[in-house]
Amino acid sequence: MTRFPGHVALITGASSGIGAALAREFSRQGADVALLARRRDRLIALAGEIEARGRRALVMVGDVTLDGDLERAVAETQAGLGRLDVVVANAGFGVVGPVEHLALDDYRRQFETNVFGVLRTVQASIGPLRAARGRLAIIGSVAGHIATPGSSPYAMSKFAVRALAESLGHELARSGVSVTLVTPGFVASEIRRVDNAGVLRTEASEPMPAWLVMPAERAARQIVRAIARRRREVVVTAHGKLAVFLQRHAPWLVAAGIRRGGIRSRPEPTKR
């Protein structure tokens, strides 16, 4: 039995990583998908995969940092696919580095995508989601629970969207719209090869050991299941679950581990 038969899901940041994996998984679960990202070629290739499985896929090139792009995407989704039941605010990247080495513009750039991009997505889609008694998912991070040295811009942005998800969950409960905060640990994606300006550094290697990184397809299955069940939050990866559990119940232990263990954020790809 499929979880989303005949439904329509709009996914931002759908051209790679978790976003692309979610698009594939929603289509496997019976949904048609609207794909929004900046890279048209990748979206077209992904849409071809989905259509080959018998589901519809709508390609939309847009940028969550631009006013009007999300309103256009929602309108095109409803016109092209007939409805809107699920929205996943997934687009994002990470700015890293010590505070004294970063400029205010680095923080502004981080918030424009990771916070205001999510907020644009929510505000553009909230009407159709209310009408459908649908589902909203916001992609956060374990960094939205635990901030490590050198991660302040990214962690601040993910703490902010965690607060947004919590507030929205209360605001939308009576209208029948569920809000699921997705809290991934290390999942296979390009995010750790993107520099502080948002540019993918294709020559950069994955900084995390392979054993610690969950395949995006496996993560997508867990996320889609949680959205279907209208869960308030889903923490993805075993290490993510452990980290969030310890932060909630023994924050002193987490702080000691970070400081004594010399744990720091990943380096920016261009700073090697």
C-alpha atoms as a PDB file:
ATOM      1  CA  MET A   1       0.000   0.000   0.000  1.00  0.00           C
ATOM      2  CA  THR A   2       1.331   3.438  -0.949  1.00  0.00           C
ATOM      3  CA  ARG A   3       1.236   6.260   1.574  1.00  0.00           C
ATOM      4  CA  PHE A   4       0.433   9.154  -0.803  1.00  0.00           C
ATOM      5  CA  PRO A   5      -1.768   7.832  -3.627  1.00  0.00           C
ATOM      6  CA  GLY A   6      -2.778  10.637  -5.966  1.00  0.00           C
ATOM      7  CA  HIS A   7      -1.264  13.317  -3.762  1.00  0.00           C
ATOM      8  CA  VAL A   8       1.012  16.128  -4.915  1.00  0.00           C
ATOM      9  CA  ALA A   9       4.237  17.035  -3.110  1.00  0.00           C
ATOM     10  CA  LEU A  10       6.264  20.212  -3.709  1.00  0.00           C
ATOM     11  CA  ILE A  11       9.940  19.940  -2.755  1.00  0.00           C
ATOM     12  CA  THR A  12      12.417  22.816  -2.694  1.00  0.00           C
ATOM     13  CA  GLY A  13      16.097  22.115  -3.236  1.00  0.00           C
ATOM     14  CA  ALA A  14      15.067  19.045  -5.219  1.00  0.00           C
ATOM     15  CA  SER A  15      18.069  18.809  -7.532  1.00  0.00           C
ATOM     16  CA  SER A  16      20.333  16.740  -5.257  1.00  0.00           C
ATOM     17  CA  GLY A  17      20.824  15.048  -1.910  1.00  0.00           C
ATOM     18  CA  ILE A  18      17.875  14.688   0.428  1.00  0.00           C
ATOM     19  CA  GLY A  19      15.599  16.731  -1.850  1.00  0.00           C
ATOM     20  CA  ALA A  20      16.111  14.486  -4.872  1.00  0.00           C
ATOM     21  CA  ALA A  21      15.825  11.349  -2.729  1.00  0.00           C
ATOM     22  CA  LEU A  22      12.552  12.641  -1.266  1.00  0.00           C
ATOM     23  CA  ALA A  23      11.176  13.271  -4.746  1.00  0.00           C
ATOM     24  CA  ARG A  24      11.936   9.674  -5.725  1.00  0.00           C
ATOM     25  CA  GLU A  25      10.445   8.297  -2.518  1.00  0.00           C
ATOM     26  CA  PHE A  26       7.248  10.357  -2.740  1.00  0.00           C
ATOM     27  CA  SER A  27       6.789   9.105  -6.297  1.00  0.00           C
ATOM     28  CA  ARG A  28       7.271   5.511  -5.096  1.00  0.00           C
ATOM     29  CA  GLN A  29       4.571   6.187  -2.532  1.00  0.00           C
ATOM     30  CA  GLY A  30       2.078   7.234  -5.219  1.00  0.00           C
ATOM     31  CA  ALA A  31       2.560  11.002  -5.301  1.00  0.00           C
ATOM     32  CA  ASP A  32       3.136  13.323  -8.214  1.00  0.00           C
ATOM     33  CA  VAL A  33       5.940  15.765  -7.484  1.00  0.00           C
ATOM     34  CA  ALA A  34       6.733  19.402  -8.161  1.00  0.00           C
ATOM     35  CA  LEU A  35      10.492  19.949  -8.222  1.00  0.00           C
ATOM     36  CA  LEU A  36      11.963  23.369  -7.436  1.00  0.00           C
ATOM     37  CA  ALA A  37      15.682  24.198  -7.551  1.00  0.00           C
ATOM     38  CA  ARG A  38      18.157  26.351  -9.459  1.00  0.00           C
ATOM     39  CA  ARG A  39      19.729  23.637 -11.665  1.00  0.00           C
ATOM     40  CA  ARG A  40      17.388  22.865 -14.536  1.00  0.00           C
ATOM     41  CA  ASP A  41      19.474  20.051 -16.027  1.00  0.00           C
ATOM     42  CA  ARG A  42      19.402  18.047 -12.810  1.00  0.00           C
ATOM     43  CA  LEU A  43      15.687  18.619 -12.357  1.00  0.00           C
ATOM     44  CA  ILE A  44      14.965  17.431 -15.901  1.00  0.00           C
ATOM     45  CA  ALA A  45      16.986  14.240 -15.334  1.00  0.00           C
ATOM     46  CA  LEU A  46      15.197  13.591 -12.032  1.00  0.00           C
ATOM     47  CA  ALA A  47      11.791  14.239 -13.593  1.00  0.00           C
ATOM     48  CA  GLY A  48      12.615  11.712 -16.309  1.00  0.00           C
ATOM     49  CA  GLU A  49      13.301   9.044 -13.664  1.00  0.00           C
ATOM     50  CA  ILE A  50      10.030   9.754 -11.901  1.00  0.00           C
ATOM     51  CA  GLU A  51       7.931   9.829 -15.067  1.00  0.00           C
ATOM     52  CA  ALA A  52       9.465   6.507 -16.126  1.00  0.00           C
ATOM     53  CA  ARG A  53       7.843   5.039 -13.002  1.00  0.00           C
ATOM     54  CA  GLY A  54       4.445   6.341 -14.068  1.00  0.00           C
ATOM     55  CA  ARG A  55       4.168   9.433 -11.874  1.00  0.00           C
ATOM     56  CA  ARG A  56       4.030  13.045 -13.018  1.00  0.00           C
ATOM     57  CA  ALA A  57       6.891  15.443 -12.290  1.00  0.00           C
ATOM     58  CA  LEU A  58       6.784  19.207 -12.773  1.00  0.00           C
ATOM     59  CA  VAL A  59      10.125  20.987 -13.230  1.00  0.00           C
ATOM     60  CA  MET A  60      10.367  24.555 -11.929  1.00  0.00           C
ATOM     61  CA  VAL A  61      13.557  26.594 -11.835  1.00  0.00           C
ATOM     62  CA  GLY A  62      13.557  28.997  -8.921  1.00  0.00           C
ATOM     63  CA  ASP A  63      15.468  30.378  -5.968  1.00  0.00           C
ATOM     64  CA  VAL A  64      14.078  30.420  -2.422  1.00  0.00           C
ATOM     65  CA  THR A  65      15.984  33.652  -1.740  1.00  0.00           C
ATOM     66  CA  LEU A  66      13.997  35.569  -4.361  1.00  0.00           C
ATOM     67  CA  ASP A  67      10.663  37.152  -3.532  1.00  0.00           C
ATOM     68  CA  GLY A  68       7.911  35.801  -5.751  1.00  0.00           C
ATOM     69  CA  ASP A  69       9.573  32.538  -6.819  1.00  0.00           C
ATOM     70  CA  LEU A  70       7.724  30.447  -4.239  1.00  0.00           C
ATOM     71  CA  GLU A  71       4.348  32.013  -4.986  1.00  0.00           C
ATOM     72  CA  ARG A  72       4.924  31.246  -8.663  1.00  0.00           C
ATOM     73  CA  ALA A  73       5.964  27.677  -7.845  1.00  0.00           C
ATOM     74  CA  VAL A  74       2.838  27.047  -5.772  1.00  0.00           C
ATOM     75  CA  ALA A  75       0.604  28.486  -8.492  1.00  0.00           C
ATOM     76  CA  GLU A  76       2.321  26.410 -11.191  1.00  0.00           C
ATOM     77  CA  THR A  77       2.025  23.281  -9.073  1.00  0.00           C
ATOM     78  CA  GLN A  78      -1.706  23.731  -8.602  1.00  0.00           C
ATOM     79  CA  ALA A  79      -2.210  24.573 -12.277  1.00  0.00           C
ATOM     80  CA  GLY A  80      -0.008  21.788 -13.606  1.00  0.00           C
ATOM     81  CA  LEU A  81      -0.735  18.980 -11.146  1.00  0.00           C
ATOM     82  CA  GLY A  82      -4.188  19.984  -9.937  1.00  0.00           C
ATOM     83  CA  ARG A  83      -3.625  20.177  -6.182  1.00  0.00           C
ATOM     84  CA  LEU A  84      -1.069  20.563  -3.407  1.00  0.00           C
ATOM     85  CA  ASP A  85      -0.995  18.224  -0.401  1.00  0.00           C
ATOM     86  CA  VAL A  86       2.580  18.157   0.870  1.00  0.00           C
ATOM     87  CA  VAL A  87       5.288  20.813   0.966  1.00  0.00           C
ATOM     88  CA  VAL A  88       8.885  20.089   1.936  1.00  0.00           C
ATOM     89  CA  ALA A  89      11.058  23.125   2.682  1.00  0.00           C
ATOM     90  CA  ASN A  90      14.393  21.492   1.998  1.00  0.00           C
ATOM     91  CA  ALA A  91      16.609  24.051   0.213  1.00  0.00           C
ATOM     92  CA  GLY A  92      19.628  25.058   2.265  1.00  0.00           C
ATOM     93  CA  PHE A  93      23.415  25.118   2.639  1.00  0.00           C
ATOM     94  CA  GLY A  94      25.961  25.682   5.405  1.00  0.00           C
ATOM     95  CA  VAL A  95      28.185  28.636   6.263  1.00  0.00           C
ATOM     96  CA  VAL A  96      30.985  27.650   8.639  1.00  0.00           C
ATOM     97  CA  GLY A  97      33.973  29.222  10.340  1.00  0.00           C
ATOM     98  CA  PRO A  98      34.987  30.992  13.557  1.00  0.00           C
ATOM     99  CA  VAL A  99      32.901  34.047  14.377  1.00  0.00           C
ATOM    100  CA  GLU A 100      35.901  36.406  14.222  1.00  0.00           C
ATOM    101  CA  HIS A 101      36.682  35.254  10.671  1.00  0.00           C
ATOM    102  CA  LEU A 102      33.164  35.776   9.323  1.00  0.00           C
ATOM    103  CA  ALA A 103      31.443  38.949   8.165  1.00  0.00           C
ATOM    104  CA  LEU A 104      27.866  39.977   8.851  1.00  0.00           C
ATOM    105  CA  ASP A 105      27.157  39.295   5.188  1.00  0.00           C
ATOM    106  CA  ASP A 106      28.075  35.640   5.744  1.00  0.00           C
ATOM    107  CA  TYR A 107      25.341  35.405   8.376  1.00  0.00           C
ATOM    108  CA  ARG A 108      22.877  37.312   6.193  1.00  0.00           C
ATOM    109  CA  ARG A 109      23.562  34.956   3.276  1.00  0.00           C
ATOM    110  CA  GLN A 110      23.018  31.944   5.535  1.00  0.00           C
ATOM    111  CA  PHE A 111      19.722  33.236   6.912  1.00  0.00           C
ATOM    112  CA  GLU A 112      18.447  34.353   3.523  1.00  0.00           C
ATOM    113  CA  THR A 113      18.448  30.746   2.296  1.00  0.00           C
ATOM    114  CA  ASN A 114      18.011  28.626   5.406  1.00  0.00           C
ATOM    115  CA  VAL A 115      15.536  30.790   7.313  1.00  0.00           C
ATOM    116  CA  PHE A 116      13.854  33.278   5.021  1.00  0.00           C
ATOM    117  CA  GLY A 117      13.815  30.720   2.196  1.00  0.00           C
ATOM    118  CA  VAL A 118      11.885  28.371   4.465  1.00  0.00           C
ATOM    119  CA  LEU A 119       9.616  31.199   5.559  1.00  0.00           C
ATOM    120  CA  ARG A 120       8.918  32.166   1.932  1.00  0.00           C
ATOM    121  CA  THR A 121       8.024  28.537   1.230  1.00  0.00           C
ATOM    122  CA  VAL A 122       5.664  28.386   4.199  1.00  0.00           C
ATOM    123  CA  GLN A 123       3.929  31.667   3.475  1.00  0.00           C
ATOM    124  CA  ALA A 124       3.431  30.826  -0.197  1.00  0.00           C
ATOM    125  CA  SER A 125       1.947  27.398   0.495  1.00  0.00           C
ATOM    126  CA  ILE A 126       0.016  27.792   3.724  1.00  0.00           C
ATOM    127  CA  GLY A 127      -3.299  28.590   2.006  1.00  0.00           C
ATOM    128  CA  PRO A 128      -3.368  25.498  -0.231  1.00  0.00           C
ATOM    129  CA  LEU A 129      -2.155  23.330   2.648  1.00  0.00           C
ATOM    130  CA  ARG A 130      -4.991  24.563   4.859  1.00  0.00           C
ATOM    131  CA  ALA A 131      -7.484  23.813   2.093  1.00  0.00           C
ATOM    132  CA  ALA A 132      -6.085  20.281   1.687  1.00  0.00           C
ATOM    133  CA  ARG A 133      -5.551  19.653   5.432  1.00  0.00           C
ATOM    134  CA  GLY A 134      -2.101  18.767   4.192  1.00  0.00           C
ATOM    135  CA  ARG A 135       1.387  18.232   5.501  1.00  0.00           C
ATOM    136  CA  LEU A 136       4.325  20.606   5.851  1.00  0.00           C
ATOM    137  CA  ALA A 137       7.866  19.352   6.435  1.00  0.00           C
ATOM    138  CA  ILE A 138      10.798  21.579   7.342  1.00  0.00           C
ATOM    139  CA  ILE A 139      14.317  20.209   6.997  1.00  0.00           C
ATOM    140  CA  GLY A 140      16.307  21.155  10.064  1.00  0.00           C
ATOM    141  CA  SER A 141      19.466  19.516  11.389  1.00  0.00           C
ATOM    142  CA  VAL A 142      21.049  18.030  14.471  1.00  0.00           C
ATOM    143  CA  ALA A 143      22.862  21.384  14.395  1.00  0.00           C
ATOM    144  CA  GLY A 144      19.494  22.877  15.309  1.00  0.00           C
ATOM    145  CA  HIS A 145      19.883  21.190  18.696  1.00  0.00           C
ATOM    146  CA  ILE A 146      23.662  21.264  19.195  1.00  0.00           C
ATOM    147  CA  ALA A 147      26.022  24.052  18.100  1.00  0.00           C
ATOM    148  CA  THR A 148      29.699  23.187  17.722  1.00  0.00           C
ATOM    149  CA  PRO A 149      32.664  25.573  17.417  1.00  0.00           C
ATOM    150  CA  GLY A 150      32.850  27.000  13.918  1.00  0.00           C
ATOM    151  CA  SER A 151      29.213  26.308  13.094  1.00  0.00           C
ATOM    152  CA  SER A 152      27.460  29.399  14.417  1.00  0.00           C
ATOM    153  CA  PRO A 153      25.839  30.628  11.158  1.00  0.00           C
ATOM    154  CA  TYR A 154      24.491  27.209  10.195  1.00  0.00           C
ATOM    155  CA  ALA A 155      23.488  26.274  13.735  1.00  0.00           C
ATOM    156  CA  MET A 156      21.740  29.614  14.265  1.00  0.00           C
ATOM    157  CA  SER A 157      19.737  29.094  11.077  1.00  0.00           C
ATOM    158  CA  LYS A 158      18.703  25.578  12.093  1.00  0.00           C
ATOM    159  CA  PHE A 159      17.800  26.629  15.645  1.00  0.00           C
ATOM    160  CA  ALA A 160      15.608  29.285  14.003  1.00  0.00           C
ATOM    161  CA  VAL A 161      13.723  26.875  11.750  1.00  0.00           C
ATOM    162  CA  ARG A 162      13.236  24.517  14.693  1.00  0.00           C
ATOM    163  CA  ALA A 163      11.481  27.362  16.490  1.00  0.00           C
ATOM    164  CA  LEU A 164       9.467  28.118  13.349  1.00  0.00           C
ATOM    165  CA  ALA A 165       8.355  24.496  13.057  1.00  0.00           C
ATOM    166  CA  GLU A 166       7.324  24.386  16.709  1.00  0.00           C
ATOM    167  CA  SER A 167       5.330  27.600  16.459  1.00  0.00           C
ATOM    168  CA  LEU A 168       3.691  26.563  13.193  1.00  0.00           C
ATOM    169  CA  GLY A 169       2.748  23.211  14.646  1.00  0.00           C
ATOM    170  CA  HIS A 170       0.635  25.009  17.241  1.00  0.00           C
ATOM    171  CA  GLU A 171      -0.741  27.587  14.798  1.00  0.00           C
ATOM    172  CA  LEU A 172      -1.854  25.067  12.181  1.00  0.00           C
ATOM    173  CA  ALA A 173      -3.085  22.235  14.403  1.00  0.00           C
ATOM    174  CA  ARG A 174      -6.740  23.287  14.349  1.00  0.00           C
ATOM    175  CA  SER A 175      -6.737  23.612  10.566  1.00  0.00           C
ATOM    176  CA  GLY A 176      -5.626  19.985  10.165  1.00  0.00           C
ATOM    177  CA  VAL A 177      -2.183  20.806   8.745  1.00  0.00           C
ATOM    178  CA  SER A 178       0.638  18.802  10.295  1.00  0.00           C
ATOM    179  CA  VAL A 179       4.147  20.195  10.665  1.00  0.00           C
ATOM    180  CA  THR A 180       7.069  17.760  10.735  1.00  0.00           C
ATOM    181  CA  LEU A 181      10.531  18.960  11.664  1.00  0.00           C
ATOM    182  CA  VAL A 182      13.137  16.741  10.012  1.00  0.00           C
ATOM    183  CA  THR A 183      16.384  16.588  11.988  1.00  0.00           C
ATOM    184  CA  PRO A 184      19.067  14.768   9.979  1.00  0.00           C
ATOM    185  CA  GLY A 185      22.531  13.854  11.127  1.00  0.00           C
ATOM    186  CA  PHE A 186      25.081  13.154   8.413  1.00  0.00           C
ATOM    187  CA  VAL A 187      23.218  12.135   5.244  1.00  0.00           C
ATOM    188  CA  ALA A 188      24.782  11.760   1.797  1.00  0.00           C
ATOM    189  CA  SER A 189      24.468  15.093  -0.009  1.00  0.00           C
ATOM    190  CA  GLU A 190      26.521  17.873  -1.537  1.00  0.00           C
ATOM    191  CA  ILE A 191      26.082  20.250   1.395  1.00  0.00           C
ATOM    192  CA  ARG A 192      29.511  19.572   2.873  1.00  0.00           C
ATOM    193  CA  ARG A 193      31.136  20.389  -0.494  1.00  0.00           C
ATOM    194  CA  VAL A 194      29.451  23.786  -0.794  1.00  0.00           C
ATOM    195  CA  ASP A 195      31.467  26.838   0.255  1.00  0.00           C
ATOM    196  CA  ASN A 196      30.313  29.814   2.293  1.00  0.00           C
ATOM    197  CA  ALA A 197      29.155  31.626  -0.832  1.00  0.00           C
ATOM    198  CA  GLY A 198      26.863  28.740  -1.742  1.00  0.00           C
ATOM    199  CA  VAL A 199      29.079  27.470  -4.568  1.00  0.00           C
ATOM    200  CA  LEU A 200      29.490  23.706  -5.052  1.00  0.00           C
ATOM    201  CA  ARG A 201      33.169  22.740  -5.045  1.00  0.00           C
ATOM    202  CA  THR A 202      33.127  19.600  -7.150  1.00  0.00           C
ATOM    203  CA  GLU A 203      36.805  18.913  -6.439  1.00  0.00           C
ATOM    204  CA  ALA A 204      36.203  18.797  -2.677  1.00  0.00           C
ATOM    205  CA  SER A 205      35.895  15.407  -1.016  1.00  0.00           C
ATOM    206  CA  GLU A 206      33.316  14.311   1.552  1.00  0.00           C
ATOM    207  CA  PRO A 207      34.877  15.308   4.903  1.00  0.00           C
ATOM    208  CA  MET A 208      32.924  12.733   6.925  1.00  0.00           C
ATOM    209  CA  PRO A 209      33.933   9.049   7.116  1.00  0.00           C
ATOM    210  CA  ALA A 210      31.720   6.863   4.940  1.00  0.00           C
ATOM    211  CA  TRP A 211      30.528   4.712   7.861  1.00  0.00           C
ATOM    212  CA  LEU A 212      28.992   7.788   9.499  1.00  0.00           C
ATOM    213  CA  VAL A 213      27.026   8.983   6.441  1.00  0.00           C
ATOM    214  CA  MET A 214      23.549   7.558   5.810  1.00  0.00           C
ATOM    215  CA  PRO A 215      22.515   7.034   2.166  1.00  0.00           C
ATOM    216  CA  ALA A 216      19.993   9.675   1.074  1.00  0.00           C
ATOM    217  CA  GLU A 217      17.542   7.007  -0.116  1.00  0.00           C
ATOM    218  CA  ARG A 218      17.386   5.407   3.335  1.00  0.00           C
ATOM    219  CA  ALA A 219      16.929   8.807   4.971  1.00  0.00           C
ATOM    220  CA  ALA A 220      14.152   9.653   2.518  1.00  0.00           C
ATOM    221  CA  ARG A 221      12.221   6.511   3.426  1.00  0.00           C
ATOM    222  CA  GLN A 222      12.314   7.456   7.098  1.00  0.00           C
ATOM    223  CA  ILE A 223      11.341  11.060   6.386  1.00  0.00           C
ATOM    224  CA  VAL A 224       8.411  10.215   4.108  1.00  0.00           C
ATOM    225  CA  ARG A 225       7.112   7.701   6.638  1.00  0.00           C
ATOM    226  CA  ALA A 226       7.239  10.356   9.378  1.00  0.00           C
ATOM    227  CA  ILE A 227       5.455  12.908   7.182  1.00  0.00           C
ATOM    228  CA  ALA A 228       2.753  10.353   6.370  1.00  0.00           C
ATOM    229  CA  ARG A 229       2.255   9.708  10.097  1.00  0.00           C
ATOM    230  CA  ARG A 230       2.155  13.472  10.784  1.00  0.00           C
ATOM    231  CA  ARG A 231       4.919  13.209  13.348  1.00  0.00           C
ATOM    232  CA  ARG A 232       6.055  16.386  15.077  1.00  0.00           C
ATOM    233  CA  GLU A 233       9.767  15.601  14.603  1.00  0.00           C
ATOM    234  CA  VAL A 234      11.860  12.831  13.102  1.00  0.00           C
ATOM    235  CA  VAL A 235      15.559  12.539  13.903  1.00  0.00           C
ATOM    236  CA  VAL A 236      17.420  10.708  11.143  1.00  0.00           C
ATOM    237  CA  THR A 237      20.588   8.603  11.671  1.00  0.00           C
ATOM    238  CA  ALA A 238      21.596   6.718  14.817  1.00  0.00           C
ATOM    239  CA  HIS A 239      24.290   9.221  15.744  1.00  0.00           C
ATOM    240  CA  GLY A 240      21.775  12.034  15.290  1.00  0.00           C
ATOM    241  CA  LYS A 241      19.306  10.348  17.625  1.00  0.00           C
ATOM    242  CA  LEU A 242      22.014   9.812  20.235  1.00  0.00           C
ATOM    243  CA  ALA A 243      23.246  13.407  20.001  1.00  0.00           C
ATOM    244  CA  VAL A 244      19.765  14.920  20.327  1.00  0.00           C
ATOM    245  CA  PHE A 245      18.884  12.568  23.208  1.00  0.00           C
ATOM    246  CA  LEU A 246      22.018  13.517  25.127  1.00  0.00           C
ATOM    247  CA  GLN A 247      21.519  17.226  24.471  1.00  0.00           C
ATOM    248  CA  ARG A 248      17.983  17.021  25.839  1.00  0.00           C
ATOM    249  CA  HIS A 249      18.812  14.943  28.900  1.00  0.00           C
ATOM    250  CA  ALA A 250      22.503  15.573  29.668  1.00  0.00           C
ATOM    251  CA  PRO A 251      23.582  18.843  27.998  1.00  0.00           C
ATOM    252  CA  TRP A 252      26.517  19.132  30.401  1.00  0.00           C
ATOM    253  CA  LEU A 253      27.868  15.857  29.025  1.00  0.00           C
ATOM    254  CA  VAL A 254      27.567  17.088  25.426  1.00  0.00           C
ATOM    255  CA  ALA A 255      29.350  20.346  26.299  1.00  0.00           C
ATOM    256  CA  ALA A 256      32.143  18.457  28.033  1.00  0.00           C
ATOM    257  CA  GLY A 257      32.519  16.123  25.064  1.00  0.00           C
ATOM    258  CA  ILE A 258      32.735  19.007  22.602  1.00  0.00           C
ATOM    259  CA  ARG A 259      35.258  20.981  24.633  1.00  0.00           C
ATOM    260  CA  ARG A 260      37.462  18.169  25.865  1.00  0.00           C
ATOM    261  CA  GLY A 261      37.278  16.242  22.614  1.00  0.00           C
ATOM    262  CA  GLY A 262      38.152  19.271  20.516  1.00  0.00           C
ATOM    263  CA  ILE A 263      35.070  18.732  18.336  1.00  0.00           C
ATOM    264  CA  ARG A 264      34.652  21.393  15.680  1.00  0.00           C
ATOM    265  CA  SER A 265      32.503  21.995  12.633  1.00  0.00           C
ATOM    266  CA  ARG A 266      33.666  20.763   9.252  1.00  0.00           C
ATOM    267  CA  PRO A 267      35.987  23.170   7.383  1.00  0.00           C
ATOM    268  CA  GLU A 268      34.797  25.252   4.469  1.00  0.00           C
ATOM    269  CA  PRO A 269      35.671  23.330   1.258  1.00  0.00           C
ATOM    270  CA  THR A 270      37.890  26.118  -0.053  1.00  0.00           C
ATOM    271  CA  LYS A 271      39.829  26.453   3.198  1.00  0.00           C
ATOM    272  CA  ARG A 272      42.170  23.441   3.122  1.00  0.00           C
END
